[in-house]
Amino acid sequence: MAGLTRGDVVRAARAALESGAGATTGELSISFVDDAQIAELNARWLDRAGPTDVIAFSLGDPGSVLGDVYISVETARVNAAEREIAPGEELLRLVLHGTLHVLGHDHPEGAGRESSDMYLLQEELLRGLSCG
C-alpha cells in the first residue's frame, strides 16, 4: 500500500491517540478501501455523493476511543499527485486526520480548514513521524 507498512499505520494512529490526552483504552479500526467503497459509505452514512479521502466514525462516548476510519487509497493517490508528495505521506496524513476525528477534533470546511487547530496538529504530528 504505497510503500507503507502496518507498523507505519500503527505509529501514525498512536501519535494521534497520544496527542489527545484523556482516554487510556479503546479500539480503533483503520480500513483502506477503494473509491467505490468509500462513495458507498459516504452516501449511506453521510448523505453525500461520490468518493472522499477519509471518513471517520466515532462510536464511543466522549472521553473514550472507539471508532472506525476508512481511507480511500485511490483518492489519496490523487491528493498526493496534486500536492506533489509521495502517496505514503498522504496516506499517513489521512490516518492522522481520521484518528483525530475519532478523538473528537473537527475543522471547518473551505478556506479555514488548513488554518484550523486540527489541521495544524495533524501536520505537526506528520512532521514528527517523518523525523522518527
C-alpha atoms as a PDB file:
ATOM      1  CA  MET A   1       0.000   0.000   0.000  1.00  0.00           C
ATOM      2  CA  ALA A   2       2.033   2.876  -1.390  1.00  0.00           C
ATOM      3  CA  GLY A   3       5.163   1.805   0.473  1.00  0.00           C
ATOM      4  CA  LEU A   4       3.550   1.871   3.935  1.00  0.00           C
ATOM      5  CA  THR A   5       3.838  -0.932   6.422  1.00  0.00           C
ATOM      6  CA  ARG A   6       1.336  -1.904   9.066  1.00  0.00           C
ATOM      7  CA  GLY A   7       3.835  -0.510  11.577  1.00  0.00           C
ATOM      8  CA  ASP A   8       3.766   2.899   9.858  1.00  0.00           C
ATOM      9  CA  VAL A   9      -0.010   2.995  10.120  1.00  0.00           C
ATOM     10  CA  VAL A  10       0.023   1.923  13.772  1.00  0.00           C
ATOM     11  CA  ARG A  11       2.690   4.541  14.575  1.00  0.00           C
ATOM     12  CA  ALA A  12       0.613   7.297  12.959  1.00  0.00           C
ATOM     13  CA  ALA A  13      -2.583   6.265  14.745  1.00  0.00           C
ATOM     14  CA  ARG A  14      -0.735   6.065  18.077  1.00  0.00           C
ATOM     15  CA  ALA A  15       0.754   9.527  17.549  1.00  0.00           C
ATOM     16  CA  ALA A  16      -2.729  10.954  17.076  1.00  0.00           C
ATOM     17  CA  LEU A  17      -4.140   8.996  20.021  1.00  0.00           C
ATOM     18  CA  GLU A  18      -1.315  10.107  22.303  1.00  0.00           C
ATOM     19  CA  SER A  19      -1.916  13.738  21.326  1.00  0.00           C
ATOM     20  CA  GLY A  20      -5.430  13.552  22.756  1.00  0.00           C
ATOM     21  CA  ALA A  21      -4.991  13.280  26.498  1.00  0.00           C
ATOM     22  CA  GLY A  22      -7.935  11.548  28.068  1.00  0.00           C
ATOM     23  CA  ALA A  23      -8.884   8.002  27.238  1.00  0.00           C
ATOM     24  CA  THR A  24      -6.310   5.381  28.065  1.00  0.00           C
ATOM     25  CA  THR A  25      -8.080   2.435  26.436  1.00  0.00           C
ATOM     26  CA  GLY A  26     -10.138   1.910  23.358  1.00  0.00           C
ATOM     27  CA  GLU A  27     -10.435   0.353  19.975  1.00  0.00           C
ATOM     28  CA  LEU A  28      -9.746   1.819  16.565  1.00  0.00           C
ATOM     29  CA  SER A  29     -10.026   0.163  13.180  1.00  0.00           C
ATOM     30  CA  ILE A  30      -8.466   1.618  10.048  1.00  0.00           C
ATOM     31  CA  SER A  31      -9.586   0.257   6.689  1.00  0.00           C
ATOM     32  CA  PHE A  32      -8.057   1.076   3.323  1.00  0.00           C
ATOM     33  CA  VAL A  33     -10.728   0.948   0.635  1.00  0.00           C
ATOM     34  CA  ASP A  34     -11.262   1.983  -2.976  1.00  0.00           C
ATOM     35  CA  ASP A  35     -13.311   4.912  -4.277  1.00  0.00           C
ATOM     36  CA  ALA A  36     -16.419   2.784  -4.858  1.00  0.00           C
ATOM     37  CA  GLN A  37     -16.422   1.531  -1.272  1.00  0.00           C
ATOM     38  CA  ILE A  38     -15.893   4.958   0.279  1.00  0.00           C
ATOM     39  CA  ALA A  39     -18.530   6.514  -2.011  1.00  0.00           C
ATOM     40  CA  GLU A  40     -20.987   3.901  -0.744  1.00  0.00           C
ATOM     41  CA  LEU A  41     -20.157   4.765   2.892  1.00  0.00           C
ATOM     42  CA  ASN A  42     -20.360   8.472   2.096  1.00  0.00           C
ATOM     43  CA  ALA A  43     -23.841   8.098   0.582  1.00  0.00           C
ATOM     44  CA  ARG A  44     -25.186   5.691   3.178  1.00  0.00           C
ATOM     45  CA  TRP A  45     -23.977   7.357   6.367  1.00  0.00           C
ATOM     46  CA  LEU A  46     -23.266  10.989   5.460  1.00  0.00           C
ATOM     47  CA  ASP A  47     -25.817  11.524   2.670  1.00  0.00           C
ATOM     48  CA  ARG A  48     -23.060  12.834   0.378  1.00  0.00           C
ATOM     49  CA  ALA A  49     -22.453  11.825  -3.220  1.00  0.00           C
ATOM     50  CA  GLY A  50     -19.176  10.463  -4.541  1.00  0.00           C
ATOM     51  CA  PRO A  51     -15.864   9.406  -3.069  1.00  0.00           C
ATOM     52  CA  THR A  52     -13.882  11.300  -0.464  1.00  0.00           C
ATOM     53  CA  ASP A  53     -10.437  10.738   1.007  1.00  0.00           C
ATOM     54  CA  VAL A  54     -11.300   9.753   4.587  1.00  0.00           C
ATOM     55  CA  ILE A  55     -14.391   9.053   6.676  1.00  0.00           C
ATOM     56  CA  ALA A  56     -14.212   8.596  10.436  1.00  0.00           C
ATOM     57  CA  PHE A  57     -16.890   7.341  12.770  1.00  0.00           C
ATOM     58  CA  SER A  58     -16.551   7.953  16.485  1.00  0.00           C
ATOM     59  CA  LEU A  59     -18.588   5.211  18.106  1.00  0.00           C
ATOM     60  CA  GLY A  60     -17.832   5.738  21.784  1.00  0.00           C
ATOM     61  CA  ASP A  61     -18.806   8.153  24.466  1.00  0.00           C
ATOM     62  CA  PRO A  62     -16.855  11.382  24.866  1.00  0.00           C
ATOM     63  CA  GLY A  63     -13.589  10.564  26.585  1.00  0.00           C
ATOM     64  CA  SER A  64     -13.318   7.093  25.118  1.00  0.00           C
ATOM     65  CA  VAL A  65     -11.645   5.902  21.965  1.00  0.00           C
ATOM     66  CA  LEU A  66     -13.849   3.714  19.853  1.00  0.00           C
ATOM     67  CA  GLY A  67     -14.070   4.275  16.160  1.00  0.00           C
ATOM     68  CA  ASP A  68     -13.646   3.298  12.554  1.00  0.00           C
ATOM     69  CA  VAL A  69     -11.577   5.119   9.948  1.00  0.00           C
ATOM     70  CA  TYR A  70     -11.972   4.445   6.229  1.00  0.00           C
ATOM     71  CA  ILE A  71      -9.376   5.776   3.782  1.00  0.00           C
ATOM     72  CA  SER A  72      -9.680   5.712   0.006  1.00  0.00           C
ATOM     73  CA  VAL A  73      -6.316   4.688  -1.409  1.00  0.00           C
ATOM     74  CA  GLU A  74      -7.390   5.892  -4.858  1.00  0.00           C
ATOM     75  CA  THR A  75      -8.339   9.379  -3.673  1.00  0.00           C
ATOM     76  CA  ALA A  76      -5.187   9.534  -1.532  1.00  0.00           C
ATOM     77  CA  ARG A  77      -3.102   8.891  -4.665  1.00  0.00           C
ATOM     78  CA  VAL A  78      -4.873  11.736  -6.481  1.00  0.00           C
ATOM     79  CA  ASN A  79      -4.350  14.053  -3.482  1.00  0.00           C
ATOM     80  CA  ALA A  80      -0.670  13.115  -3.354  1.00  0.00           C
ATOM     81  CA  ALA A  81      -0.197  13.829  -7.053  1.00  0.00           C
ATOM     82  CA  GLU A  82      -1.874  17.229  -6.667  1.00  0.00           C
ATOM     83  CA  ARG A  83       0.358  18.058  -3.676  1.00  0.00           C
ATOM     84  CA  GLU A  84       3.401  16.582  -5.433  1.00  0.00           C
ATOM     85  CA  ILE A  85       4.183  14.317  -2.480  1.00  0.00           C
ATOM     86  CA  ALA A  86       4.592  10.576  -2.029  1.00  0.00           C
ATOM     87  CA  PRO A  87       1.337   8.594  -1.736  1.00  0.00           C
ATOM     88  CA  GLY A  88       2.589   7.104   1.544  1.00  0.00           C
ATOM     89  CA  GLU A  89       2.859  10.559   3.094  1.00  0.00           C
ATOM     90  CA  GLU A  90      -0.722  11.360   2.107  1.00  0.00           C
ATOM     91  CA  LEU A  91      -1.954   8.051   3.499  1.00  0.00           C
ATOM     92  CA  LEU A  92      -0.259   8.793   6.841  1.00  0.00           C
ATOM     93  CA  ARG A  93      -1.845  12.270   6.820  1.00  0.00           C
ATOM     94  CA  LEU A  94      -5.250  10.638   6.367  1.00  0.00           C
ATOM     95  CA  VAL A  95      -4.607   8.110   9.156  1.00  0.00           C
ATOM     96  CA  LEU A  96      -3.833  11.047  11.446  1.00  0.00           C
ATOM     97  CA  HIS A  97      -6.806  13.039  10.166  1.00  0.00           C
ATOM     98  CA  GLY A  98      -9.300  10.222  10.658  1.00  0.00           C
ATOM     99  CA  THR A  99      -7.947   9.313  14.083  1.00  0.00           C
ATOM    100  CA  LEU A 100      -8.161  12.931  15.222  1.00  0.00           C
ATOM    101  CA  HIS A 101     -11.817  12.971  14.121  1.00  0.00           C
ATOM    102  CA  VAL A 102     -12.466   9.833  16.194  1.00  0.00           C
ATOM    103  CA  LEU A 103     -10.975  11.708  19.159  1.00  0.00           C
ATOM    104  CA  GLY A 104     -13.500  14.500  18.614  1.00  0.00           C
ATOM    105  CA  HIS A 105     -11.416  17.032  16.709  1.00  0.00           C
ATOM    106  CA  ASP A 106     -13.109  18.896  13.893  1.00  0.00           C
ATOM    107  CA  HIS A 107     -12.368  21.566  11.313  1.00  0.00           C
ATOM    108  CA  PRO A 108     -14.350  23.972   9.176  1.00  0.00           C
ATOM    109  CA  GLU A 109     -14.932  23.265   5.515  1.00  0.00           C
ATOM    110  CA  GLY A 110     -13.472  25.580   2.913  1.00  0.00           C
ATOM    111  CA  ALA A 111     -10.889  28.301   3.397  1.00  0.00           C
ATOM    112  CA  GLY A 112     -10.417  27.926   7.162  1.00  0.00           C
ATOM    113  CA  ARG A 113      -9.677  24.214   7.013  1.00  0.00           C
ATOM    114  CA  GLU A 114      -5.898  24.441   6.641  1.00  0.00           C
ATOM    115  CA  SER A 115      -5.551  27.064   9.378  1.00  0.00           C
ATOM    116  CA  SER A 116      -7.708  25.147  11.891  1.00  0.00           C
ATOM    117  CA  ASP A 117      -6.251  23.783  15.120  1.00  0.00           C
ATOM    118  CA  MET A 118      -6.992  20.239  13.953  1.00  0.00           C
ATOM    119  CA  TYR A 119      -5.139  20.670  10.658  1.00  0.00           C
ATOM    120  CA  LEU A 120      -2.150  22.290  12.370  1.00  0.00           C
ATOM    121  CA  LEU A 121      -1.980  19.429  14.899  1.00  0.00           C
ATOM    122  CA  GLN A 122      -2.251  16.865  12.103  1.00  0.00           C
ATOM    123  CA  GLU A 123       0.632  18.457  10.203  1.00  0.00           C
ATOM    124  CA  GLU A 124       2.768  18.716  13.364  1.00  0.00           C
ATOM    125  CA  LEU A 125       2.206  15.025  14.062  1.00  0.00           C
ATOM    126  CA  LEU A 126       3.020  14.165  10.437  1.00  0.00           C
ATOM    127  CA  ARG A 127       6.321  16.057  10.678  1.00  0.00           C
ATOM    128  CA  GLY A 128       7.118  14.098  13.843  1.00  0.00           C
ATOM    129  CA  LEU A 129       6.536  10.826  12.030  1.00  0.00           C
ATOM    130  CA  SER A 130       8.853  11.860   9.206  1.00  0.00           C
ATOM    131  CA  CYS A 131      11.645  12.531  11.676  1.00  0.00           C
ATOM    132  CA  GLY A 132      11.149   9.240  13.515  1.00  0.00           C
END
